[in-house]
């Protein structure tokens, strides 16, 4: 019985955070501070500047994830984008909470604008 409790505890502690996968392709000369000001796009047609994609991110549910609403997921995406030095984020896929998951899930490309 105690092995079950230890396993349950480890799943709860380790599984409470979202499953975040960050892939960095190239990085500008430095990161920006967490909470930096950057633009978020949901349609590439609204981006009026030329850009390079420097990274991508996927924020998903682990099955045990808590505190995984829209605001938390977008903060995770924005904070990671600042860390890699992005100027903007393009949301490429969004999933609202549904019968399979109570979490907001999203994929995004991190962009650097060309001068």
PDB file of N, CA and C in Angstrom:
ATOM      1  N   UNK A   1       0.816  -1.198   0.000  1.00  0.00           N
ATOM      2  CA  UNK A   1       0.000   0.000   0.000  1.00  0.00           C
ATOM      3  C   UNK A   1       0.861   1.265   0.000  1.00  0.00           C
ATOM      4  N   UNK A   2       1.981   1.244   0.722  1.00  0.00           N
ATOM      5  CA  UNK A   2       2.826   2.434   0.783  1.00  0.00           C
ATOM      6  C   UNK A   2       3.480   2.722  -0.572  1.00  0.00           C
ATOM      7  N   UNK A   3       3.783   1.684  -1.360  1.00  0.00           N
ATOM      8  CA  UNK A   3       4.330   1.902  -2.697  1.00  0.00           C
ATOM      9  C   UNK A   3       3.325   2.631  -3.578  1.00  0.00           C
ATOM     10  N   UNK A   4       2.054   2.312  -3.440  1.00  0.00           N
ATOM     11  CA  UNK A   4       1.011   2.980  -4.195  1.00  0.00           C
ATOM     12  C   UNK A   4       0.943   4.452  -3.826  1.00  0.00           C
ATOM     13  N   UNK A   5       1.032   4.771  -2.535  1.00  0.00           N
ATOM     14  CA  UNK A   5       0.980   6.168  -2.088  1.00  0.00           C
ATOM     15  C   UNK A   5       2.188   6.957  -2.599  1.00  0.00           C
ATOM     16  N   UNK A   6       3.363   6.340  -2.581  1.00  0.00           N
ATOM     17  CA  UNK A   6       4.563   7.002  -3.097  1.00  0.00           C
ATOM     18  C   UNK A   6       4.406   7.264  -4.597  1.00  0.00           C
ATOM     19  N   UNK A   7       3.945   6.287  -5.345  1.00  0.00           N
ATOM     20  CA  UNK A   7       3.732   6.443  -6.776  1.00  0.00           C
ATOM     21  C   UNK A   7       2.698   7.534  -7.054  1.00  0.00           C
ATOM     22  N   UNK A   8       1.609   7.520  -6.314  1.00  0.00           N
ATOM     23  CA  UNK A   8       0.566   8.535  -6.480  1.00  0.00           C
ATOM     24  C   UNK A   8       1.126   9.925  -6.200  1.00  0.00           C
ATOM     25  N   UNK A   9       1.919  10.056  -5.138  1.00  0.00           N
ATOM     26  CA  UNK A   9       2.526  11.333  -4.792  1.00  0.00           C
ATOM     27  C   UNK A   9       3.453  11.817  -5.904  1.00  0.00           C
ATOM     28  N   UNK A  10       4.283  10.928  -6.430  1.00  0.00           N
ATOM     29  CA  UNK A  10       5.204  11.309  -7.506  1.00  0.00           C
ATOM     30  C   UNK A  10       4.468  11.739  -8.763  1.00  0.00           C
ATOM     31  N   UNK A  11       3.392  11.070  -9.090  1.00  0.00           N
ATOM     32  CA  UNK A  11       2.592  11.446 -10.263  1.00  0.00           C
ATOM     33  C   UNK A  11       1.971  12.809 -10.048  1.00  0.00           C
ATOM     34  N   UNK A  12       1.444  13.050  -8.864  1.00  0.00           N
ATOM     35  CA  UNK A  12       0.809  14.347  -8.587  1.00  0.00           C
ATOM     36  C   UNK A  12       1.812  15.487  -8.606  1.00  0.00           C
ATOM     37  N   UNK A  13       2.972  15.282  -7.996  1.00  0.00           N
ATOM     38  CA  UNK A  13       3.979  16.343  -7.953  1.00  0.00           C
ATOM     39  C   UNK A  13       4.592  16.564  -9.321  1.00  0.00           C
ATOM     40  N   UNK A  14       4.948  15.504  -9.998  1.00  0.00           N
ATOM     41  CA  UNK A  14       5.587  15.630 -11.302  1.00  0.00           C
ATOM     42  C   UNK A  14       4.618  15.893 -12.428  1.00  0.00           C
ATOM     43  N   UNK A  15       3.370  15.539 -12.247  1.00  0.00           N
ATOM     44  CA  UNK A  15       2.409  15.653 -13.324  1.00  0.00           C
ATOM     45  C   UNK A  15       1.520  16.866 -13.260  1.00  0.00           C
ATOM     46  N   UNK A  16       1.738  17.751 -12.306  1.00  0.00           N
ATOM     47  CA  UNK A  16       0.860  18.903 -12.150  1.00  0.00           C
ATOM     48  C   UNK A  16       1.157  20.010 -13.152  1.00  0.00           C
ATOM     49  N   UNK A  17       2.359  20.038 -13.689  1.00  0.00           N
ATOM     50  CA  UNK A  17       2.729  21.066 -14.656  1.00  0.00           C
ATOM     51  C   UNK A  17       2.353  20.612 -16.065  1.00  0.00           C
ATOM     52  N   UNK A  18       2.180  21.584 -16.931  1.00  0.00           N
ATOM     53  CA  UNK A  18       1.898  21.282 -18.335  1.00  0.00           C
ATOM     54  C   UNK A  18       3.101  20.615 -18.979  1.00  0.00           C
ATOM     55  N   UNK A  19       2.849  19.858 -20.007  1.00  0.00           N
ATOM     56  CA  UNK A  19       3.912  19.258 -20.803  1.00  0.00           C
ATOM     57  C   UNK A  19       4.329  20.301 -21.835  1.00  0.00           C
ATOM     58  N   UNK A  20       5.492  20.904 -21.637  1.00  0.00           N
ATOM     59  CA  UNK A  20       5.975  21.962 -22.519  1.00  0.00           C
ATOM     60  C   UNK A  20       7.194  21.468 -23.281  1.00  0.00           C
ATOM     61  N   UNK A  21       7.110  21.546 -24.612  1.00  0.00           N
ATOM     62  CA  UNK A  21       8.230  21.147 -25.463  1.00  0.00           C
ATOM     63  C   UNK A  21       8.672  22.358 -26.274  1.00  0.00           C
ATOM     64  N   UNK A  22       9.902  22.780 -26.049  1.00  0.00           N
ATOM     65  CA  UNK A  22      10.471  23.929 -26.740  1.00  0.00           C
ATOM     66  C   UNK A  22      11.573  23.446 -27.663  1.00  0.00           C
ATOM     67  N   UNK A  23      11.503  23.831 -28.934  1.00  0.00           N
ATOM     68  CA  UNK A  23      12.529  23.505 -29.924  1.00  0.00           C
ATOM     69  C   UNK A  23      13.113  24.814 -30.441  1.00  0.00           C
ATOM     70  N   UNK A  24      14.390  25.037 -30.174  1.00  0.00           N
ATOM     71  CA  UNK A  24      15.051  26.271 -30.612  1.00  0.00           C
ATOM     72  C   UNK A  24      15.881  25.951 -31.852  1.00  0.00           C
ATOM     73  N   UNK A  25      15.610  26.674 -32.940  1.00  0.00           N
ATOM     74  CA  UNK A  25      16.318  26.456 -34.201  1.00  0.00           C
ATOM     75  C   UNK A  25      17.527  27.374 -34.314  1.00  0.00           C
ATOM     76  N   UNK A  26      17.361  28.622 -33.937  1.00  0.00           N
ATOM     77  CA  UNK A  26      18.444  29.600 -33.895  1.00  0.00           C
ATOM     78  C   UNK A  26      18.041  30.648 -32.876  1.00  0.00           C
ATOM     79  N   UNK A  27      19.038  31.298 -32.305  1.00  0.00           N
ATOM     80  CA  UNK A  27      18.731  32.269 -31.268  1.00  0.00           C
ATOM     81  C   UNK A  27      19.478  33.556 -31.536  1.00  0.00           C
ATOM     82  N   UNK A  28      18.771  34.691 -31.436  1.00  0.00           N
ATOM     83  CA  UNK A  28      19.459  35.971 -31.589  1.00  0.00           C
ATOM     84  C   UNK A  28      20.518  36.135 -30.495  1.00  0.00           C
ATOM     85  N   UNK A  29      21.161  37.271 -30.486  1.00  0.00           N
ATOM     86  CA  UNK A  29      22.287  37.493 -29.581  1.00  0.00           C
ATOM     87  C   UNK A  29      21.946  37.504 -28.106  1.00  0.00           C
ATOM     88  N   UNK A  30      20.808  37.223 -27.706  1.00  0.00           N
ATOM     89  CA  UNK A  30      20.506  37.186 -26.281  1.00  0.00           C
ATOM     90  C   UNK A  30      19.031  37.065 -26.021  1.00  0.00           C
ATOM     91  N   UNK A  31      18.744  36.745 -24.801  1.00  0.00           N
ATOM     92  CA  UNK A  31      17.348  36.633 -24.428  1.00  0.00           C
ATOM     93  C   UNK A  31      16.843  37.988 -23.955  1.00  0.00           C
ATOM     94  N   UNK A  32      15.551  38.061 -23.800  1.00  0.00           N
ATOM     95  CA  UNK A  32      14.897  39.247 -23.276  1.00  0.00           C
ATOM     96  C   UNK A  32      14.372  38.893 -21.890  1.00  0.00           C
ATOM     97  N   UNK A  33      14.097  39.891 -21.070  1.00  0.00           N
ATOM     98  CA  UNK A  33      13.599  39.566 -19.727  1.00  0.00           C
ATOM     99  C   UNK A  33      12.220  38.911 -19.789  1.00  0.00           C
ATOM    100  N   UNK A  34      11.961  38.026 -18.837  1.00  0.00           N
ATOM    101  CA  UNK A  34      10.653  37.384 -18.738  1.00  0.00           C
ATOM    102  C   UNK A  34       9.589  38.474 -18.641  1.00  0.00           C
ATOM    103  N   UNK A  35       8.504  38.310 -19.369  1.00  0.00           N
ATOM    104  CA  UNK A  35       7.442  39.310 -19.385  1.00  0.00           C
ATOM    105  C   UNK A  35       7.699  40.432 -20.372  1.00  0.00           C
ATOM    106  N   UNK A  36       8.658  40.233 -21.280  1.00  0.00           N
ATOM    107  CA  UNK A  36       8.970  41.262 -22.269  1.00  0.00           C
ATOM    108  C   UNK A  36       7.737  41.540 -23.135  1.00  0.00           C
ATOM    109  N   UNK A  37       7.770  42.677 -23.773  1.00  0.00           N
ATOM    110  CA  UNK A  37       6.661  43.078 -24.637  1.00  0.00           C
ATOM    111  C   UNK A  37       6.845  42.448 -26.007  1.00  0.00           C
ATOM    112  N   UNK A  38       5.930  41.563 -26.375  1.00  0.00           N
ATOM    113  CA  UNK A  38       5.958  40.993 -27.715  1.00  0.00           C
ATOM    114  C   UNK A  38       4.547  40.806 -28.234  1.00  0.00           C
ATOM    115  N   UNK A  39       4.446  40.760 -29.540  1.00  0.00           N
ATOM    116  CA  UNK A  39       3.151  40.643 -30.190  1.00  0.00           C
ATOM    117  C   UNK A  39       2.756  39.176 -30.314  1.00  0.00           C
ATOM    118  N   UNK A  40       1.447  38.911 -30.210  1.00  0.00           N
ATOM    119  CA  UNK A  40       0.924  37.559 -30.379  1.00  0.00           C
ATOM    120  C   UNK A  40      -0.051  37.587 -31.551  1.00  0.00           C
ATOM    121  N   UNK A  41       0.194  36.737 -32.534  1.00  0.00           N
ATOM    122  CA  UNK A  41      -0.651  36.641 -33.721  1.00  0.00           C
ATOM    123  C   UNK A  41      -1.312  35.264 -33.766  1.00  0.00           C
ATOM    124  N   UNK A  42      -2.511  35.245 -34.316  1.00  0.00           N
ATOM    125  CA  UNK A  42      -3.197  33.974 -34.543  1.00  0.00           C
ATOM    126  C   UNK A  42      -3.392  33.712 -36.039  1.00  0.00           C
ATOM    127  N   UNK A  43      -3.067  34.701 -36.855  1.00  0.00           N
ATOM    128  CA  UNK A  43      -3.203  34.585 -38.304  1.00  0.00           C
ATOM    129  C   UNK A  43      -1.949  35.176 -38.943  1.00  0.00           C
ATOM    130  N   UNK A  44      -1.202  34.384 -39.709  1.00  0.00           N
ATOM    131  CA  UNK A  44       0.029  34.919 -40.303  1.00  0.00           C
ATOM    132  C   UNK A  44      -0.233  36.050 -41.292  1.00  0.00           C
ATOM    133  N   UNK A  45      -1.446  36.159 -41.784  1.00  0.00           N
ATOM    134  CA  UNK A  45      -1.785  37.233 -42.709  1.00  0.00           C
ATOM    135  C   UNK A  45      -1.737  38.611 -42.084  1.00  0.00           C
ATOM    136  N   UNK A  46      -1.798  38.681 -40.756  1.00  0.00           N
ATOM    137  CA  UNK A  46      -1.754  39.965 -40.061  1.00  0.00           C
ATOM    138  C   UNK A  46      -0.325  40.442 -39.778  1.00  0.00           C
ATOM    139  N   UNK A  47       0.654  39.596 -40.051  1.00  0.00           N
ATOM    140  CA  UNK A  47       2.044  39.971 -39.806  1.00  0.00           C
ATOM    141  C   UNK A  47       2.538  40.745 -41.021  1.00  0.00           C
ATOM    142  N   UNK A  48       2.841  42.009 -40.838  1.00  0.00           N
ATOM    143  CA  UNK A  48       3.195  42.891 -41.955  1.00  0.00           C
ATOM    144  C   UNK A  48       4.696  43.020 -42.160  1.00  0.00           C
ATOM    145  N   UNK A  49       5.494  42.385 -41.308  1.00  0.00           N
ATOM    146  CA  UNK A  49       6.945  42.449 -41.428  1.00  0.00           C
ATOM    147  C   UNK A  49       7.468  41.079 -41.832  1.00  0.00           C
ATOM    148  N   UNK A  50       8.608  41.052 -42.498  1.00  0.00           N
ATOM    149  CA  UNK A  50       9.217  39.751 -42.788  1.00  0.00           C
ATOM    150  C   UNK A  50       9.862  39.233 -41.495  1.00  0.00           C
ATOM    151  N   UNK A  51       9.912  37.915 -41.381  1.00  0.00           N
ATOM    152  CA  UNK A  51      10.381  37.330 -40.122  1.00  0.00           C
ATOM    153  C   UNK A  51      11.059  35.994 -40.376  1.00  0.00           C
ATOM    154  N   UNK A  52      11.803  35.564 -39.377  1.00  0.00           N
ATOM    155  CA  UNK A  52      12.382  34.227 -39.326  1.00  0.00           C
ATOM    156  C   UNK A  52      11.768  33.509 -38.132  1.00  0.00           C
ATOM    157  N   UNK A  53      11.540  32.217 -38.270  1.00  0.00           N
ATOM    158  CA  UNK A  53      11.075  31.407 -37.147  1.00  0.00           C
ATOM    159  C   UNK A  53      12.318  30.885 -36.436  1.00  0.00           C
ATOM    160  N   UNK A  54      12.465  31.237 -35.156  1.00  0.00           N
ATOM    161  CA  UNK A  54      13.654  30.827 -34.411  1.00  0.00           C
ATOM    162  C   UNK A  54      13.390  29.669 -33.450  1.00  0.00           C
ATOM    163  N   UNK A  55      12.110  29.412 -33.154  1.00  0.00           N
ATOM    164  CA  UNK A  55      11.789  28.331 -32.218  1.00  0.00           C
ATOM    165  C   UNK A  55      10.315  27.988 -32.348  1.00  0.00           C
ATOM    166  N   UNK A  56       9.973  26.838 -31.799  1.00  0.00           N
ATOM    167  CA  UNK A  56       8.557  26.454 -31.707  1.00  0.00           C
ATOM    168  C   UNK A  56       8.318  25.884 -30.317  1.00  0.00           C
ATOM    169  N   UNK A  57       7.073  25.944 -29.893  1.00  0.00           N
ATOM    170  CA  UNK A  57       6.709  25.460 -28.566  1.00  0.00           C
ATOM    171  C   UNK A  57       5.365  24.759 -28.635  1.00  0.00           C
ATOM    172  N   UNK A  58       5.223  23.751 -27.819  1.00  0.00           N
ATOM    173  CA  UNK A  58       3.958  23.037 -27.684  1.00  0.00           C
ATOM    174  C   UNK A  58       3.662  22.920 -26.197  1.00  0.00           C
ATOM    175  N   UNK A  59       2.496  23.380 -25.786  1.00  0.00           N
ATOM    176  CA  UNK A  59       2.061  23.278 -24.390  1.00  0.00           C
ATOM    177  C   UNK A  59       0.841  22.379 -24.371  1.00  0.00           C
ATOM    178  N   UNK A  60       0.965  21.243 -23.696  1.00  0.00           N
ATOM    179  CA  UNK A  60      -0.082  20.224 -23.719  1.00  0.00           C
ATOM    180  C   UNK A  60      -0.397  19.766 -22.301  1.00  0.00           C
ATOM    181  N   UNK A  61      -1.393  18.925 -22.202  1.00  0.00           N
ATOM    182  CA  UNK A  61      -1.866  18.366 -20.935  1.00  0.00           C
ATOM    183  C   UNK A  61      -1.137  17.052 -20.668  1.00  0.00           C
ATOM    184  N   UNK A  62      -0.788  16.807 -19.416  1.00  0.00           N
ATOM    185  CA  UNK A  62      -0.152  15.544 -19.052  1.00  0.00           C
ATOM    186  C   UNK A  62      -1.167  14.504 -18.591  1.00  0.00           C
ATOM    187  N   UNK A  63      -2.403  14.920 -18.387  1.00  0.00           N
ATOM    188  CA  UNK A  63      -3.407  14.039 -17.819  1.00  0.00           C
ATOM    189  C   UNK A  63      -3.606  14.327 -16.337  1.00  0.00           C
ATOM    190  N   UNK A  64      -2.580  14.932 -15.715  1.00  0.00           N
ATOM    191  CA  UNK A  64      -2.663  15.307 -14.309  1.00  0.00           C
ATOM    192  C   UNK A  64      -2.432  16.807 -14.130  1.00  0.00           C
ATOM    193  N   UNK A  65      -2.452  17.547 -15.226  1.00  0.00           N
ATOM    194  CA  UNK A  65      -2.133  18.961 -15.196  1.00  0.00           C
ATOM    195  C   UNK A  65      -3.216  19.756 -14.489  1.00  0.00           C
ATOM    196  N   UNK A  66      -2.786  20.692 -13.647  1.00  0.00           N
ATOM    197  CA  UNK A  66      -3.683  21.645 -12.996  1.00  0.00           C
ATOM    198  C   UNK A  66      -3.187  23.039 -13.326  1.00  0.00           C
ATOM    199  N   UNK A  67      -4.035  24.038 -13.155  1.00  0.00           N
ATOM    200  CA  UNK A  67      -3.694  25.427 -13.466  1.00  0.00           C
ATOM    201  C   UNK A  67      -3.203  25.527 -14.906  1.00  0.00           C
ATOM    202  N   UNK A  68      -4.071  25.170 -15.833  1.00  0.00           N
ATOM    203  CA  UNK A  68      -3.676  25.089 -17.236  1.00  0.00           C
ATOM    204  C   UNK A  68      -4.677  25.798 -18.146  1.00  0.00           C
ATOM    205  N   UNK A  69      -5.193  26.908 -17.674  1.00  0.00           N
ATOM    206  CA  UNK A  69      -6.129  27.680 -18.475  1.00  0.00           C
ATOM    207  C   UNK A  69      -5.429  28.519 -19.533  1.00  0.00           C
ATOM    208  N   UNK A  70      -6.209  29.304 -20.240  1.00  0.00           N
ATOM    209  CA  UNK A  70      -5.703  30.156 -21.317  1.00  0.00           C
ATOM    210  C   UNK A  70      -4.595  31.083 -20.829  1.00  0.00           C
ATOM    211  N   UNK A  71      -4.815  31.777 -19.720  1.00  0.00           N
ATOM    212  CA  UNK A  71      -3.825  32.746 -19.233  1.00  0.00           C
ATOM    213  C   UNK A  71      -2.502  32.082 -18.876  1.00  0.00           C
ATOM    214  N   UNK A  72      -2.544  30.956 -18.191  1.00  0.00           N
ATOM    215  CA  UNK A  72      -1.325  30.249 -17.791  1.00  0.00           C
ATOM    216  C   UNK A  72      -0.576  29.722 -19.018  1.00  0.00           C
ATOM    217  N   UNK A  73      -1.296  29.154 -19.971  1.00  0.00           N
ATOM    218  CA  UNK A  73      -0.662  28.621 -21.178  1.00  0.00           C
ATOM    219  C   UNK A  73      -0.023  29.750 -21.987  1.00  0.00           C
ATOM    220  N   UNK A  74      -0.728  30.860 -22.145  1.00  0.00           N
ATOM    221  CA  UNK A  74      -0.165  31.987 -22.900  1.00  0.00           C
ATOM    222  C   UNK A  74       1.042  32.586 -22.175  1.00  0.00           C
ATOM    223  N   UNK A  75       1.008  32.626 -20.852  1.00  0.00           N
ATOM    224  CA  UNK A  75       2.167  33.119 -20.097  1.00  0.00           C
ATOM    225  C   UNK A  75       3.370  32.204 -20.325  1.00  0.00           C
ATOM    226  N   UNK A  76       3.154  30.901 -20.333  1.00  0.00           N
ATOM    227  CA  UNK A  76       4.235  29.955 -20.597  1.00  0.00           C
ATOM    228  C   UNK A  76       4.838  30.204 -21.977  1.00  0.00           C
ATOM    229  N   UNK A  77       3.981  30.382 -22.974  1.00  0.00           N
ATOM    230  CA  UNK A  77       4.452  30.632 -24.339  1.00  0.00           C
ATOM    231  C   UNK A  77       5.210  31.948 -24.411  1.00  0.00           C
ATOM    232  N   UNK A  78       4.646  33.003 -23.845  1.00  0.00           N
ATOM    233  CA  UNK A  78       5.283  34.327 -23.894  1.00  0.00           C
ATOM    234  C   UNK A  78       6.623  34.331 -23.155  1.00  0.00           C
ATOM    235  N   UNK A  79       6.666  33.725 -21.970  1.00  0.00           N
ATOM    236  CA  UNK A  79       7.910  33.705 -21.192  1.00  0.00           C
ATOM    237  C   UNK A  79       9.017  32.961 -21.932  1.00  0.00           C
ATOM    238  N   UNK A  80       8.673  31.831 -22.542  1.00  0.00           N
ATOM    239  CA  UNK A  80       9.666  31.083 -23.317  1.00  0.00           C
ATOM    240  C   UNK A  80      10.114  31.879 -24.541  1.00  0.00           C
ATOM    241  N   UNK A  81       9.187  32.584 -25.181  1.00  0.00           N
ATOM    242  CA  UNK A  81       9.534  33.407 -26.343  1.00  0.00           C
ATOM    243  C   UNK A  81      10.502  34.521 -25.946  1.00  0.00           C
ATOM    244  N   UNK A  82      10.272  35.133 -24.801  1.00  0.00           N
ATOM    245  CA  UNK A  82      11.196  36.165 -24.317  1.00  0.00           C
ATOM    246  C   UNK A  82      12.571  35.567 -24.055  1.00  0.00           C
ATOM    247  N   UNK A  83      12.605  34.397 -23.449  1.00  0.00           N
ATOM    248  CA  UNK A  83      13.889  33.758 -23.127  1.00  0.00           C
ATOM    249  C   UNK A  83      14.730  33.461 -24.364  1.00  0.00           C
ATOM    250  N   UNK A  84      14.079  33.113 -25.479  1.00  0.00           N
ATOM    251  CA  UNK A  84      14.856  32.822 -26.691  1.00  0.00           C
ATOM    252  C   UNK A  84      15.095  34.069 -27.542  1.00  0.00           C
ATOM    253  N   UNK A  85      14.564  35.224 -27.117  1.00  0.00           N
ATOM    254  CA  UNK A  85      14.814  36.478 -27.824  1.00  0.00           C
ATOM    255  C   UNK A  85      13.848  36.779 -28.952  1.00  0.00           C
ATOM    256  N   UNK A  86      12.659  36.187 -28.930  1.00  0.00           N
ATOM    257  CA  UNK A  86      11.677  36.407 -29.996  1.00  0.00           C
ATOM    258  C   UNK A  86      11.070  37.805 -29.919  1.00  0.00           C
ATOM    259  N   UNK A  87      10.623  38.299 -31.082  1.00  0.00           N
ATOM    260  CA  UNK A  87       9.914  39.573 -31.165  1.00  0.00           C
ATOM    261  C   UNK A  87       8.408  39.369 -31.144  1.00  0.00           C
ATOM    262  N   UNK A  88       7.961  38.187 -31.566  1.00  0.00           N
ATOM    263  CA  UNK A  88       6.529  37.911 -31.665  1.00  0.00           C
ATOM    264  C   UNK A  88       6.291  36.404 -31.594  1.00  0.00           C
ATOM    265  N   UNK A  89       5.029  36.056 -31.399  1.00  0.00           N
ATOM    266  CA  UNK A  89       4.603  34.662 -31.337  1.00  0.00           C
ATOM    267  C   UNK A  89       3.446  34.482 -32.308  1.00  0.00           C
ATOM    268  N   UNK A  90       3.491  33.413 -33.068  1.00  0.00           N
ATOM    269  CA  UNK A  90       2.387  33.051 -33.963  1.00  0.00           C
ATOM    270  C   UNK A  90       1.773  31.757 -33.443  1.00  0.00           C
ATOM    271  N   UNK A  91       0.544  31.829 -32.962  1.00  0.00           N
ATOM    272  CA  UNK A  91      -0.158  30.645 -32.484  1.00  0.00           C
ATOM    273  C   UNK A  91      -0.551  29.829 -33.712  1.00  0.00           C
ATOM    274  N   UNK A  92      -0.071  28.606 -33.784  1.00  0.00           N
ATOM    275  CA  UNK A  92      -0.315  27.763 -34.957  1.00  0.00           C
ATOM    276  C   UNK A  92      -1.409  26.727 -34.734  1.00  0.00           C
ATOM    277  N   UNK A  93      -1.710  26.446 -33.475  1.00  0.00           N
ATOM    278  CA  UNK A  93      -2.745  25.463 -33.154  1.00  0.00           C
ATOM    279  C   UNK A  93      -3.242  25.745 -31.742  1.00  0.00           C
ATOM    280  N   UNK A  94      -4.549  25.759 -31.564  1.00  0.00           N
ATOM    281  CA  UNK A  94      -5.140  25.982 -30.246  1.00  0.00           C
ATOM    282  C   UNK A  94      -6.216  24.942 -29.998  1.00  0.00           C
ATOM    283  N   UNK A  95      -6.290  24.499 -28.764  1.00  0.00           N
ATOM    284  CA  UNK A  95      -7.354  23.589 -28.366  1.00  0.00           C
ATOM    285  C   UNK A  95      -7.919  24.083 -27.048  1.00  0.00           C
ATOM    286  N   UNK A  96      -9.186  24.410 -27.052  1.00  0.00           N
ATOM    287  CA  UNK A  96      -9.867  24.821 -25.832  1.00  0.00           C
ATOM    288  C   UNK A  96     -10.189  23.590 -24.997  1.00  0.00           C
ATOM    289  N   UNK A  97     -10.457  23.767 -23.706  1.00  0.00           N
ATOM    290  CA  UNK A  97     -10.853  22.627 -22.886  1.00  0.00           C
ATOM    291  C   UNK A  97     -12.058  21.905 -23.506  1.00  0.00           C
ATOM    292  N   UNK A  98     -12.034  20.585 -23.399  1.00  0.00           N
ATOM    293  CA  UNK A  98     -13.109  19.773 -23.962  1.00  0.00           C
ATOM    294  C   UNK A  98     -13.321  18.543 -23.087  1.00  0.00           C
ATOM    295  N   UNK A  99     -14.022  17.550 -23.603  1.00  0.00           N
ATOM    296  CA  UNK A  99     -14.294  16.368 -22.785  1.00  0.00           C
ATOM    297  C   UNK A  99     -13.035  15.532 -22.546  1.00  0.00           C
ATOM    298  N   UNK A 100     -11.997  15.707 -23.358  1.00  0.00           N
ATOM    299  CA  UNK A 100     -10.761  14.941 -23.202  1.00  0.00           C
ATOM    300  C   UNK A 100      -9.772  15.612 -22.265  1.00  0.00           C
ATOM    301  N   UNK A 101      -9.854  16.932 -22.146  1.00  0.00           N
ATOM    302  CA  UNK A 101      -8.904  17.668 -21.314  1.00  0.00           C
ATOM    303  C   UNK A 101      -9.558  18.939 -20.791  1.00  0.00           C
ATOM    304  N   UNK A 102      -9.257  19.264 -19.562  1.00  0.00           N
ATOM    305  CA  UNK A 102      -9.764  20.513 -18.987  1.00  0.00           C
ATOM    306  C   UNK A 102      -8.785  21.658 -19.225  1.00  0.00           C
ATOM    307  N   UNK A 103      -7.700  21.377 -19.947  1.00  0.00           N
ATOM    308  CA  UNK A 103      -6.649  22.365 -20.186  1.00  0.00           C
ATOM    309  C   UNK A 103      -6.800  23.058 -21.535  1.00  0.00           C
ATOM    310  N   UNK A 104      -6.329  24.298 -21.588  1.00  0.00           N
ATOM    311  CA  UNK A 104      -6.144  25.006 -22.843  1.00  0.00           C
ATOM    312  C   UNK A 104      -4.778  24.574 -23.354  1.00  0.00           C
ATOM    313  N   UNK A 105      -4.698  24.120 -24.594  1.00  0.00           N
ATOM    314  CA  UNK A 105      -3.456  23.627 -25.181  1.00  0.00           C
ATOM    315  C   UNK A 105      -3.144  24.418 -26.436  1.00  0.00           C
ATOM    316  N   UNK A 106      -1.862  24.627 -26.709  1.00  0.00           N
ATOM    317  CA  UNK A 106      -1.496  25.436 -27.872  1.00  0.00           C
ATOM    318  C   UNK A 106      -0.105  25.090 -28.381  1.00  0.00           C
ATOM    319  N   UNK A 107       0.088  25.329 -29.677  1.00  0.00           N
ATOM    320  CA  UNK A 107       1.385  25.267 -30.335  1.00  0.00           C
ATOM    321  C   UNK A 107       1.653  26.647 -30.900  1.00  0.00           C
ATOM    322  N   UNK A 108       2.920  27.044 -30.922  1.00  0.00           N
ATOM    323  CA  UNK A 108       3.251  28.367 -31.433  1.00  0.00           C
ATOM    324  C   UNK A 108       4.634  28.382 -32.052  1.00  0.00           C
ATOM    325  N   UNK A 109       4.812  29.296 -33.002  1.00  0.00           N
ATOM    326  CA  UNK A 109       6.115  29.580 -33.595  1.00  0.00           C
ATOM    327  C   UNK A 109       6.612  30.893 -32.993  1.00  0.00           C
ATOM    328  N   UNK A 110       7.894  30.955 -32.695  1.00  0.00           N
ATOM    329  CA  UNK A 110       8.500  32.160 -32.143  1.00  0.00           C
ATOM    330  C   UNK A 110       9.256  32.861 -33.256  1.00  0.00           C
ATOM    331  N   UNK A 111       8.962  34.127 -33.434  1.00  0.00           N
ATOM    332  CA  UNK A 111       9.445  34.888 -34.579  1.00  0.00           C
ATOM    333  C   UNK A 111      10.413  36.000 -34.206  1.00  0.00           C
ATOM    334  N   UNK A 112      11.349  36.246 -35.089  1.00  0.00           N
ATOM    335  CA  UNK A 112      12.217  37.429 -35.006  1.00  0.00           C
ATOM    336  C   UNK A 112      12.006  38.190 -36.289  1.00  0.00           C
ATOM    337  N   UNK A 113      11.688  39.477 -36.162  1.00  0.00           N
ATOM    338  CA  UNK A 113      11.472  40.305 -37.340  1.00  0.00           C
ATOM    339  C   UNK A 113      12.805  40.687 -37.975  1.00  0.00           C
ATOM    340  N   UNK A 114      12.800  40.662 -39.305  1.00  0.00           N
ATOM    341  CA  UNK A 114      13.985  41.097 -40.065  1.00  0.00           C
ATOM    342  C   UNK A 114      13.942  42.612 -40.167  1.00  0.00           C
ATOM    343  N   UNK A 115      15.118  43.231 -40.159  1.00  0.00           N
ATOM    344  CA  UNK A 115      15.163  44.712 -40.242  1.00  0.00           C
ATOM    345  C   UNK A 115      14.913  45.214 -41.616  1.00  0.00           C
TER     346      UNK A 115
END
